[in-house]
Structures are given as structure tokens and as C-alpha cells.
Amino acid sequence: MRNRILKSSKAAFFLAALTTSVALVLLVDRGGLIAWGTFFSGVALLAKIGLKPSRIDLGLSVGLATLSVLAWVGTLYYVISTWESGEVVELNIDTSEGEHTARLWVLDIGADPIVYYDAEREVAKSLLAGKPLQFTRADEVSTRVPRATLVDALPEGEANRILEAMEAKYGYRNKAAGIYYSLLGRSRDRVALVVSLIEE
């Protein structure tokens, strides 16, 4: 009986350690409440298994791993489905690593459409360099020249105007972005941009 408990506890310890390690990697890369919760729960479970192994350890480890994955997948599904319920445009952007496709909300402020994009670094470099890209809206495809500005460099009045326009157009859907960043965090290599898409 004792040997069976020890074998079960070893498997439980391995799974809990793996889950905790993945959570730690996510914390370093992006943070987020799910990663924090999984990490601290994993540490507590590892301490419990080490100090007082029992038959329920494997079930607890499986439960922690399953709950963490379901929380991630469920949050991602909710955010994407909410995001896609509003008007979304598609950008095909050439980068040093190949073509990148982004689906983004769009605002009509002034003569040219505007998008907010929390972009990967290589994508941000391409947008800031003003390389022409393919813009698809309502199945109509055109070539646009991006004029990108770092969000941190935007004048306060301009930033407020964009936020107000986003709230007016997308309404309750804006909450999905807050949920995404709160629960799943934000990758540290992202660059927040506001991009005007100027027709050639």
C-alpha cells in the first residue's frame, strides 16, 4: 500500500512540477492572473506532496493541470469570439521572418482607416518602416501604406479620441481586451501601435 502511494506521489510530483514550470515560463514572458494562480497553486501542491504524500496527490495534480488549460482555452475562446463579432479587417504584412496576417478592429477617423495593433517586434518594425501592405475590408482588397505611431508617443488628446471612437463603435466588446490582458497577460516583446492605413 505504501509503495503504491509513493509511486502515485512521484507521478503527481512530476506532473505538478511540469505544470508549475510552464506557469513560471508564462509569468516571465507575459504574466497574467491564470499563470500567477497556477504557479502559486503548483508550489503549494509540490510542498504538500513533498511533506505529506497521499493517494489524492495525483488527482490534485491532474486537476491543477486540467483547470489551468481549460482556463486558458476558455478565456482565449471568449476573447476571440467576442473580438470577431465586431467589424474586423485583415492586414497582410511582409516582415523579415515572412508574411504575417493580422485581424484587427478598425476605426474611421479622418480620411484613412486606423487600427490599434499590439504587434510582435518584427511586425512593428515593418509597420514603423512604412512598408506597403495588403488591406482587406468587407472582401475588398487594396494596398495601403502604414503610418504607425507608438501608443506611448501619442498626444493625450489623440489617444483619448481613439479610445472614445473605439468605445462608441465596439461597445461591450472592449471588455474582452481587458479580460485578455488581466487573465492571460501581455507578452513582453509586444509593441503597441496606432496605424493609419493610407491608400496608395
Protein backbone atom coordinates (compact mmCIF):
# COMPACT_ATOMS: atom_id res chain seq x y z
CA MET A 1 0.00 0.00 0.00
CA ARG A 2 2.79 2.40 0.94
CA ASN A 3 4.68 1.58 -2.27
CA ARG A 4 1.56 2.31 -4.32
CA ILE A 5 1.15 5.69 -2.61
CA LEU A 6 4.83 6.52 -3.23
CA LYS A 7 4.57 5.66 -6.95
CA SER A 8 1.42 7.72 -7.26
CA SER A 9 3.06 10.62 -5.44
CA LYS A 10 6.09 10.52 -7.75
CA ALA A 11 3.82 10.81 -10.79
CA ALA A 12 1.86 13.56 -9.05
CA PHE A 13 5.07 15.42 -8.18
CA PHE A 14 6.30 15.21 -11.79
CA LEU A 15 3.01 16.49 -13.23
CA ALA A 16 2.75 19.28 -10.63
CA ALA A 17 6.36 20.29 -11.28
CA LEU A 18 5.72 20.37 -15.04
CA THR A 19 2.57 22.47 -14.64
CA THR A 20 4.35 24.86 -12.27
CA SER A 21 7.31 25.18 -14.64
CA VAL A 22 5.05 26.05 -17.57
CA ALA A 23 3.30 28.64 -15.39
CA LEU A 24 6.68 30.13 -14.46
CA VAL A 25 7.67 30.43 -18.13
CA LEU A 26 4.38 32.21 -18.85
CA LEU A 27 4.93 34.53 -15.89
CA VAL A 28 8.37 35.52 -17.15
CA ASP A 29 7.09 36.04 -20.70
CA ARG A 30 3.70 37.67 -20.13
CA GLY A 31 2.29 37.47 -16.59
CA GLY A 32 -1.48 37.14 -16.21
CA LEU A 33 -3.72 36.04 -13.34
CA ILE A 34 -4.08 32.47 -14.63
CA ALA A 35 -0.31 31.99 -14.72
CA TRP A 36 0.08 33.53 -11.24
CA GLY A 37 -2.69 31.36 -9.81
CA THR A 38 -1.30 28.20 -11.41
CA PHE A 39 2.23 28.95 -10.21
CA PHE A 40 1.32 29.53 -6.56
CA SER A 41 -1.10 26.58 -6.54
CA GLY A 42 1.62 24.41 -8.07
CA VAL A 43 4.19 25.47 -5.47
CA ALA A 44 1.72 24.73 -2.66
CA LEU A 45 0.88 21.34 -4.17
CA LEU A 46 4.56 20.42 -4.57
CA ALA A 47 5.16 21.31 -0.91
CA LYS A 48 2.17 19.21 0.13
CA ILE A 49 3.35 16.20 -1.89
CA GLY A 50 6.87 16.50 -0.51
CA LEU A 51 5.82 16.89 3.11
CA LYS A 52 2.77 14.64 3.28
CA PRO A 53 2.24 12.35 0.26
CA SER A 54 -1.18 10.72 -0.07
CA ARG A 55 -3.43 8.88 -2.54
CA ILE A 56 -5.15 12.08 -3.67
CA ASP A 57 -1.96 13.77 -4.89
CA LEU A 58 -2.21 12.50 -8.46
CA GLY A 59 -5.82 13.62 -8.71
CA LEU A 60 -4.87 17.06 -7.42
CA SER A 61 -2.04 17.35 -9.95
CA VAL A 62 -4.26 16.28 -12.84
CA GLY A 63 -6.92 18.69 -11.63
CA LEU A 64 -4.47 21.61 -11.47
CA ALA A 65 -3.13 20.93 -14.97
CA THR A 66 -6.61 20.43 -16.44
CA LEU A 67 -8.09 23.51 -14.77
CA SER A 68 -5.19 25.69 -15.95
CA VAL A 69 -5.50 24.53 -19.57
CA LEU A 70 -9.29 24.94 -19.55
CA ALA A 71 -8.97 28.44 -18.08
CA TRP A 72 -6.52 29.45 -20.82
CA VAL A 73 -8.51 27.89 -23.66
CA GLY A 74 -11.83 29.18 -22.34
CA THR A 75 -10.54 32.73 -21.95
CA LEU A 76 -8.96 32.69 -25.40
CA TYR A 77 -12.15 31.35 -26.99
CA TYR A 78 -14.28 34.01 -25.30
CA VAL A 79 -11.94 36.83 -26.32
CA ILE A 80 -11.59 35.71 -29.95
CA SER A 81 -15.31 35.06 -30.42
CA THR A 82 -16.15 38.45 -28.88
CA TRP A 83 -13.49 40.19 -30.96
CA GLU A 84 -14.72 38.61 -34.19
CA SER A 85 -18.33 39.68 -33.52
CA GLY A 86 -17.41 43.28 -34.41
CA GLU A 87 -16.05 44.59 -37.70
CA VAL A 88 -12.60 43.10 -38.30
CA VAL A 89 -10.16 43.88 -41.09
CA GLU A 90 -7.20 41.83 -42.23
CA LEU A 91 -3.65 43.04 -42.80
CA ASN A 92 -1.04 41.02 -44.68
CA ILE A 93 2.33 42.39 -43.61
CA ASP A 94 5.75 41.50 -45.03
CA THR A 95 8.39 41.09 -42.32
CA SER A 96 11.96 39.81 -42.17
CA GLU A 97 10.50 36.50 -40.96
CA GLY A 98 7.95 36.18 -43.78
CA GLU A 99 4.36 37.28 -44.28
CA HIS A 100 2.30 37.95 -41.18
CA THR A 101 -1.51 38.12 -41.10
CA ALA A 102 -3.34 40.19 -38.50
CA ARG A 103 -7.08 40.55 -37.87
CA LEU A 104 -7.83 43.84 -36.18
CA TRP A 105 -10.61 46.23 -35.25
CA VAL A 106 -10.79 49.30 -37.45
CA LEU A 107 -11.84 52.90 -36.89
CA ASP A 108 -12.84 55.53 -39.43
CA ILE A 109 -11.31 58.69 -38.07
CA GLY A 110 -10.40 61.20 -40.74
CA ALA A 111 -9.66 60.28 -44.34
CA ASP A 112 -7.94 56.94 -43.71
CA PRO A 113 -8.87 53.92 -41.58
CA ILE A 114 -6.99 53.48 -38.32
CA VAL A 115 -6.13 50.30 -36.39
CA TYR A 116 -4.68 49.69 -32.96
CA TYR A 117 -2.18 46.83 -33.00
CA ASP A 118 -0.24 45.27 -30.13
CA ALA A 119 2.31 43.85 -32.55
CA GLU A 120 5.26 41.50 -32.33
CA ARG A 121 8.60 43.29 -32.67
CA GLU A 122 9.34 42.20 -36.25
CA VAL A 123 5.84 43.18 -37.35
CA ALA A 124 6.16 46.51 -35.57
CA LYS A 125 9.45 47.19 -37.38
CA SER A 126 7.76 46.65 -40.74
CA LEU A 127 4.84 48.93 -39.85
CA LEU A 128 7.09 51.67 -38.46
CA ALA A 129 9.20 51.47 -41.64
CA GLY A 130 6.08 52.17 -43.71
CA LYS A 131 6.33 49.09 -45.94
CA PRO A 132 3.18 48.73 -48.12
CA LEU A 133 0.78 46.03 -47.00
CA GLN A 134 -2.38 44.31 -48.19
CA PHE A 135 -5.56 45.56 -46.54
CA THR A 136 -8.79 43.54 -46.72
CA ARG A 137 -12.11 45.02 -45.58
CA ALA A 138 -15.51 43.51 -46.38
CA ASP A 139 -13.84 41.28 -49.02
CA GLU A 140 -12.35 44.31 -50.77
CA VAL A 141 -8.58 44.16 -51.11
CA SER A 142 -6.32 47.18 -51.51
CA THR A 143 -2.70 48.15 -50.98
CA ARG A 144 -2.06 50.58 -48.15
CA VAL A 145 0.96 52.38 -46.76
CA PRO A 146 1.04 52.22 -42.96
CA ARG A 147 1.85 55.30 -40.93
CA ALA A 148 2.49 53.88 -37.49
CA THR A 149 2.90 55.74 -34.20
CA LEU A 150 3.91 54.27 -30.88
CA VAL A 151 0.99 54.47 -28.47
CA ASP A 152 3.28 55.91 -25.80
CA ALA A 153 4.19 58.74 -28.19
CA LEU A 154 0.60 59.75 -28.98
CA PRO A 155 -0.56 63.14 -27.68
CA GLU A 156 -3.09 62.69 -24.90
CA GLY A 157 -5.88 64.31 -26.92
CA GLU A 158 -5.33 61.98 -29.86
CA ALA A 159 -5.21 58.91 -27.61
CA ASN A 160 -8.48 59.94 -25.93
CA ARG A 161 -10.14 60.50 -29.31
CA ILE A 162 -9.19 56.98 -30.43
CA LEU A 163 -10.40 55.43 -27.17
CA GLU A 164 -13.72 57.24 -27.43
CA ALA A 165 -14.17 56.12 -31.03
CA MET A 166 -13.33 52.53 -30.06
CA GLU A 167 -15.86 52.61 -27.24
CA ALA A 168 -18.54 54.12 -29.47
CA LYS A 169 -18.07 51.54 -32.23
CA TYR A 170 -17.33 48.33 -30.34
CA GLY A 171 -19.06 48.98 -27.01
CA TYR A 172 -19.15 45.99 -24.65
CA ARG A 173 -16.62 44.12 -26.81
CA ASN A 174 -13.89 46.36 -25.40
CA LYS A 175 -14.19 44.47 -22.11
CA ALA A 176 -12.81 41.37 -23.84
CA ALA A 177 -9.45 43.11 -24.27
CA GLY A 178 -9.31 43.92 -20.55
CA ILE A 179 -10.17 40.32 -19.68
CA TYR A 180 -7.49 39.06 -22.06
CA TYR A 181 -4.72 41.17 -20.57
CA SER A 182 -5.85 40.56 -16.97
CA LEU A 183 -6.13 36.78 -17.22
CA LEU A 184 -3.59 35.91 -19.93
CA GLY A 185 -1.18 38.83 -19.59
CA ARG A 186 0.80 40.58 -22.31
CA SER A 187 3.92 39.26 -23.99
CA ARG A 188 6.92 41.42 -23.16
CA ASP A 189 8.09 41.63 -26.79
CA ARG A 190 4.90 43.38 -27.95
CA VAL A 191 4.89 46.93 -29.30
CA ALA A 192 1.64 48.93 -29.07
CA LEU A 193 0.95 50.95 -32.23
CA VAL A 194 -1.74 53.10 -33.75
CA VAL A 195 -1.58 52.72 -37.54
CA SER A 196 -3.16 54.89 -40.20
CA LEU A 197 -3.63 52.96 -43.46
CA ILE A 198 -3.09 55.35 -46.34
CA GLU A 199 -4.26 54.35 -49.80
CA GLU A 200 -1.54 54.37 -52.45
